[in-house]
Amino acid sequence: MHGMAPGELDSARLRRDLSLLLRRRLTLYAGIGAAGFTVLLSVLAATTAPGRATPPANTPAAADPTANASQQQPVEQQPSFVLPAQAPQNGSSGGPVAISGGS
Protein backbone atom coordinates (compact mmCIF):
# COMPACT_ATOMS: atom_id res chain seq x y z
CA MET A 1 0.00 0.00 0.00
CA HIS A 2 3.04 2.24 0.06
CA GLY A 3 2.79 2.80 -3.67
CA MET A 4 -0.87 3.86 -3.72
CA ALA A 5 -1.93 7.47 -4.06
CA PRO A 6 -4.41 8.90 -1.50
CA GLY A 7 -7.25 8.86 -4.04
CA GLU A 8 -6.67 5.20 -4.89
CA LEU A 9 -6.62 4.25 -1.20
CA ASP A 10 -9.94 5.98 -0.60
CA SER A 11 -11.40 4.26 -3.65
CA ALA A 12 -10.29 0.83 -2.38
CA ARG A 13 -11.75 1.52 1.06
CA LEU A 14 -15.03 2.65 -0.49
CA ARG A 15 -15.26 -0.52 -2.62
CA ARG A 16 -14.52 -2.62 0.48
CA ASP A 17 -17.15 -0.82 2.55
CA LEU A 18 -19.78 -1.16 -0.16
CA SER A 19 -18.96 -4.84 -0.57
CA LEU A 20 -19.31 -5.41 3.19
CA LEU A 21 -22.62 -3.52 3.20
CA LEU A 22 -23.92 -5.67 0.34
CA ARG A 23 -22.88 -8.88 2.12
CA ARG A 24 -24.52 -7.70 5.34
CA ARG A 25 -27.79 -7.02 3.52
CA LEU A 26 -27.68 -10.36 1.71
CA THR A 27 -27.09 -12.14 5.03
CA LEU A 28 -30.01 -10.30 6.61
CA TYR A 29 -32.34 -11.10 3.71
CA ALA A 30 -31.25 -14.75 3.71
CA GLY A 31 -31.96 -14.98 7.46
CA ILE A 32 -35.40 -13.43 7.05
CA GLY A 33 -36.15 -15.76 4.13
CA ALA A 34 -35.01 -18.82 6.10
CA ALA A 35 -37.19 -17.84 9.06
CA GLY A 36 -40.19 -17.32 6.79
CA PHE A 37 -39.60 -20.66 5.08
CA THR A 38 -39.37 -22.35 8.49
CA VAL A 39 -42.69 -20.83 9.54
CA LEU A 40 -44.27 -21.94 6.27
CA LEU A 41 -43.04 -25.52 6.72
CA SER A 42 -44.19 -25.53 10.36
CA VAL A 43 -47.71 -24.50 9.40
CA LEU A 44 -47.75 -27.04 6.59
CA ALA A 45 -46.58 -29.82 8.91
CA ALA A 46 -49.07 -28.88 11.62
CA THR A 47 -52.01 -28.98 9.25
CA THR A 48 -51.03 -32.27 7.59
CA ALA A 49 -49.81 -34.20 10.64
CA PRO A 50 -50.37 -37.98 10.54
CA GLY A 51 -53.16 -39.21 12.76
CA ARG A 52 -55.51 -36.40 11.90
CA ALA A 53 -57.76 -38.35 9.58
CA THR A 54 -60.60 -36.65 7.79
CA PRO A 55 -64.06 -38.10 8.39
CA PRO A 56 -65.31 -40.48 5.71
CA ALA A 57 -67.46 -38.95 2.99
CA ASN A 58 -70.42 -41.27 3.52
CA THR A 59 -71.12 -41.72 7.23
CA PRO A 60 -73.69 -44.36 8.14
CA ALA A 61 -77.07 -43.04 9.15
CA ALA A 62 -78.22 -43.35 12.75
CA ALA A 63 -80.22 -46.49 13.52
CA ASP A 64 -83.96 -46.08 13.49
CA PRO A 65 -85.16 -46.34 17.12
CA THR A 66 -88.42 -47.91 15.99
CA ALA A 67 -86.66 -50.75 14.15
CA ASN A 68 -87.08 -54.28 15.42
CA ALA A 69 -84.26 -55.45 17.72
CA SER A 70 -83.97 -58.75 15.84
CA GLN A 71 -83.01 -56.92 12.64
CA GLN A 72 -79.99 -55.21 14.23
CA GLN A 73 -76.52 -56.71 13.92
CA PRO A 74 -74.84 -57.93 17.11
CA VAL A 75 -72.30 -55.54 18.59
CA GLU A 76 -68.76 -56.89 18.73
CA GLN A 77 -67.21 -56.76 22.18
CA GLN A 78 -63.90 -54.95 22.52
CA PRO A 79 -61.30 -56.44 24.88
CA SER A 80 -61.25 -54.79 28.27
CA PHE A 81 -58.22 -53.00 29.61
CA VAL A 82 -59.25 -53.48 33.24
CA LEU A 83 -56.58 -55.06 35.43
CA PRO A 84 -57.57 -58.20 37.34
CA ALA A 85 -58.48 -57.70 41.00
CA GLN A 86 -56.01 -60.36 42.17
CA ALA A 87 -52.64 -61.25 40.71
CA PRO A 88 -52.50 -64.68 39.08
CA GLN A 89 -51.12 -67.48 41.27
CA ASN A 90 -48.26 -69.68 40.17
CA GLY A 91 -48.57 -73.47 40.10
CA SER A 92 -46.69 -74.07 43.37
CA SER A 93 -47.87 -73.46 46.90
CA GLY A 94 -48.76 -69.88 46.13
CA GLY A 95 -46.07 -68.38 48.35
CA PRO A 96 -43.73 -65.65 47.27
CA VAL A 97 -40.96 -66.57 44.89
CA ALA A 98 -37.43 -65.24 45.48
CA ILE A 99 -35.23 -64.74 42.47
CA SER A 100 -31.53 -64.63 43.15
CA GLY A 101 -28.65 -63.68 40.95
CA GLY A 102 -27.77 -60.58 39.12
CA SER A 103 -25.01 -58.22 39.93
C-alpha atoms as a PDB file:
ATOM      1  CA  MET A   1       0.000   0.000   0.000  1.00  0.00           C
ATOM      2  CA  HIS A   2       3.036   2.236   0.056  1.00  0.00           C
ATOM      3  CA  GLY A   3       2.794   2.801  -3.672  1.00  0.00           C
ATOM      4  CA  MET A   4      -0.868   3.864  -3.717  1.00  0.00           C
ATOM      5  CA  ALA A   5      -1.933   7.471  -4.057  1.00  0.00           C
ATOM      6  CA  PRO A   6      -4.405   8.902  -1.498  1.00  0.00           C
ATOM      7  CA  GLY A   7      -7.245   8.863  -4.037  1.00  0.00           C
ATOM      8  CA  GLU A   8      -6.671   5.200  -4.891  1.00  0.00           C
ATOM      9  CA  LEU A   9      -6.624   4.245  -1.204  1.00  0.00           C
ATOM     10  CA  ASP A  10      -9.941   5.984  -0.602  1.00  0.00           C
ATOM     11  CA  SER A  11     -11.405   4.259  -3.646  1.00  0.00           C
ATOM     12  CA  ALA A  12     -10.291   0.830  -2.384  1.00  0.00           C
ATOM     13  CA  ARG A  13     -11.751   1.522   1.060  1.00  0.00           C
ATOM     14  CA  LEU A  14     -15.028   2.655  -0.489  1.00  0.00           C
ATOM     15  CA  ARG A  15     -15.259  -0.517  -2.617  1.00  0.00           C
ATOM     16  CA  ARG A  16     -14.520  -2.623   0.479  1.00  0.00           C
ATOM     17  CA  ASP A  17     -17.153  -0.818   2.553  1.00  0.00           C
ATOM     18  CA  LEU A  18     -19.784  -1.157  -0.161  1.00  0.00           C
ATOM     19  CA  SER A  19     -18.965  -4.837  -0.568  1.00  0.00           C
ATOM     20  CA  LEU A  20     -19.313  -5.412   3.186  1.00  0.00           C
ATOM     21  CA  LEU A  21     -22.615  -3.520   3.203  1.00  0.00           C
ATOM     22  CA  LEU A  22     -23.917  -5.671   0.341  1.00  0.00           C
ATOM     23  CA  ARG A  23     -22.877  -8.880   2.123  1.00  0.00           C
ATOM     24  CA  ARG A  24     -24.517  -7.702   5.341  1.00  0.00           C
ATOM     25  CA  ARG A  25     -27.787  -7.018   3.518  1.00  0.00           C
ATOM     26  CA  LEU A  26     -27.681 -10.356   1.709  1.00  0.00           C
ATOM     27  CA  THR A  27     -27.085 -12.137   5.030  1.00  0.00           C
ATOM     28  CA  LEU A  28     -30.006 -10.304   6.610  1.00  0.00           C
ATOM     29  CA  TYR A  29     -32.338 -11.100   3.709  1.00  0.00           C
ATOM     30  CA  ALA A  30     -31.245 -14.752   3.712  1.00  0.00           C
ATOM     31  CA  GLY A  31     -31.962 -14.985   7.459  1.00  0.00           C
ATOM     32  CA  ILE A  32     -35.401 -13.427   7.054  1.00  0.00           C
ATOM     33  CA  GLY A  33     -36.153 -15.759   4.126  1.00  0.00           C
ATOM     34  CA  ALA A  34     -35.014 -18.824   6.099  1.00  0.00           C
ATOM     35  CA  ALA A  35     -37.189 -17.837   9.063  1.00  0.00           C
ATOM     36  CA  GLY A  36     -40.193 -17.317   6.793  1.00  0.00           C
ATOM     37  CA  PHE A  37     -39.602 -20.657   5.082  1.00  0.00           C
ATOM     38  CA  THR A  38     -39.368 -22.349   8.490  1.00  0.00           C
ATOM     39  CA  VAL A  39     -42.687 -20.827   9.545  1.00  0.00           C
ATOM     40  CA  LEU A  40     -44.270 -21.937   6.272  1.00  0.00           C
ATOM     41  CA  LEU A  41     -43.045 -25.518   6.721  1.00  0.00           C
ATOM     42  CA  SER A  42     -44.191 -25.534  10.360  1.00  0.00           C
ATOM     43  CA  VAL A  43     -47.711 -24.497   9.401  1.00  0.00           C
ATOM     44  CA  LEU A  44     -47.752 -27.040   6.593  1.00  0.00           C
ATOM     45  CA  ALA A  45     -46.576 -29.820   8.906  1.00  0.00           C
ATOM     46  CA  ALA A  46     -49.071 -28.878  11.618  1.00  0.00           C
ATOM     47  CA  THR A  47     -52.011 -28.975   9.246  1.00  0.00           C
ATOM     48  CA  THR A  48     -51.028 -32.272   7.593  1.00  0.00           C
ATOM     49  CA  ALA A  49     -49.806 -34.203  10.639  1.00  0.00           C
ATOM     50  CA  PRO A  50     -50.375 -37.978  10.536  1.00  0.00           C
ATOM     51  CA  GLY A  51     -53.162 -39.208  12.757  1.00  0.00           C
ATOM     52  CA  ARG A  52     -55.507 -36.400  11.902  1.00  0.00           C
ATOM     53  CA  ALA A  53     -57.764 -38.347   9.580  1.00  0.00           C
ATOM     54  CA  THR A  54     -60.600 -36.651   7.786  1.00  0.00           C
ATOM     55  CA  PRO A  55     -64.064 -38.098   8.388  1.00  0.00           C
ATOM     56  CA  PRO A  56     -65.313 -40.483   5.707  1.00  0.00           C
ATOM     57  CA  ALA A  57     -67.462 -38.953   2.987  1.00  0.00           C
ATOM     58  CA  ASN A  58     -70.420 -41.269   3.522  1.00  0.00           C
ATOM     59  CA  THR A  59     -71.125 -41.716   7.227  1.00  0.00           C
ATOM     60  CA  PRO A  60     -73.688 -44.363   8.136  1.00  0.00           C
ATOM     61  CA  ALA A  61     -77.068 -43.042   9.155  1.00  0.00           C
ATOM     62  CA  ALA A  62     -78.218 -43.349  12.748  1.00  0.00           C
ATOM     63  CA  ALA A  63     -80.216 -46.485  13.523  1.00  0.00           C
ATOM     64  CA  ASP A  64     -83.963 -46.079  13.493  1.00  0.00           C
ATOM     65  CA  PRO A  65     -85.160 -46.339  17.124  1.00  0.00           C
ATOM     66  CA  THR A  66     -88.421 -47.909  15.985  1.00  0.00           C
ATOM     67  CA  ALA A  67     -86.659 -50.750  14.147  1.00  0.00           C
ATOM     68  CA  ASN A  68     -87.079 -54.280  15.419  1.00  0.00           C
ATOM     69  CA  ALA A  69     -84.258 -55.449  17.723  1.00  0.00           C
ATOM     70  CA  SER A  70     -83.975 -58.753  15.840  1.00  0.00           C
ATOM     71  CA  GLN A  71     -83.006 -56.920  12.638  1.00  0.00           C
ATOM     72  CA  GLN A  72     -79.988 -55.215  14.228  1.00  0.00           C
ATOM     73  CA  GLN A  73     -76.523 -56.705  13.918  1.00  0.00           C
ATOM     74  CA  PRO A  74     -74.837 -57.935  17.113  1.00  0.00           C
ATOM     75  CA  VAL A  75     -72.299 -55.543  18.588  1.00  0.00           C
ATOM     76  CA  GLU A  76     -68.762 -56.889  18.727  1.00  0.00           C
ATOM     77  CA  GLN A  77     -67.214 -56.764  22.179  1.00  0.00           C
ATOM     78  CA  GLN A  78     -63.904 -54.952  22.521  1.00  0.00           C
ATOM     79  CA  PRO A  79     -61.302 -56.444  24.878  1.00  0.00           C
ATOM     80  CA  SER A  80     -61.254 -54.793  28.267  1.00  0.00           C
ATOM     81  CA  PHE A  81     -58.223 -52.999  29.606  1.00  0.00           C
ATOM     82  CA  VAL A  82     -59.251 -53.476  33.237  1.00  0.00           C
ATOM     83  CA  LEU A  83     -56.578 -55.063  35.429  1.00  0.00           C
ATOM     84  CA  PRO A  84     -57.568 -58.203  37.335  1.00  0.00           C
ATOM     85  CA  ALA A  85     -58.476 -57.701  40.996  1.00  0.00           C
ATOM     86  CA  GLN A  86     -56.012 -60.361  42.165  1.00  0.00           C
ATOM     87  CA  ALA A  87     -52.642 -61.252  40.707  1.00  0.00           C
ATOM     88  CA  PRO A  88     -52.495 -64.681  39.079  1.00  0.00           C
ATOM     89  CA  GLN A  89     -51.124 -67.483  41.265  1.00  0.00           C
ATOM     90  CA  ASN A  90     -48.260 -69.679  40.166  1.00  0.00           C
ATOM     91  CA  GLY A  91     -48.571 -73.471  40.096  1.00  0.00           C
ATOM     92  CA  SER A  92     -46.686 -74.071  43.371  1.00  0.00           C
ATOM     93  CA  SER A  93     -47.872 -73.457  46.900  1.00  0.00           C
ATOM     94  CA  GLY A  94     -48.758 -69.879  46.132  1.00  0.00           C
ATOM     95  CA  GLY A  95     -46.072 -68.377  48.353  1.00  0.00           C
ATOM     96  CA  PRO A  96     -43.729 -65.647  47.274  1.00  0.00           C
ATOM     97  CA  VAL A  97     -40.962 -66.568  44.892  1.00  0.00           C
ATOM     98  CA  ALA A  98     -37.428 -65.237  45.476  1.00  0.00           C
ATOM     99  CA  ILE A  99     -35.229 -64.738  42.465  1.00  0.00           C
ATOM    100  CA  SER A 100     -31.527 -64.627  43.146  1.00  0.00           C
ATOM    101  CA  GLY A 101     -28.645 -63.684  40.949  1.00  0.00           C
ATOM    102  CA  GLY A 102     -27.775 -60.579  39.117  1.00  0.00           C
ATOM    103  CA  SER A 103     -25.007 -58.215  39.934  1.00  0.00           C
END
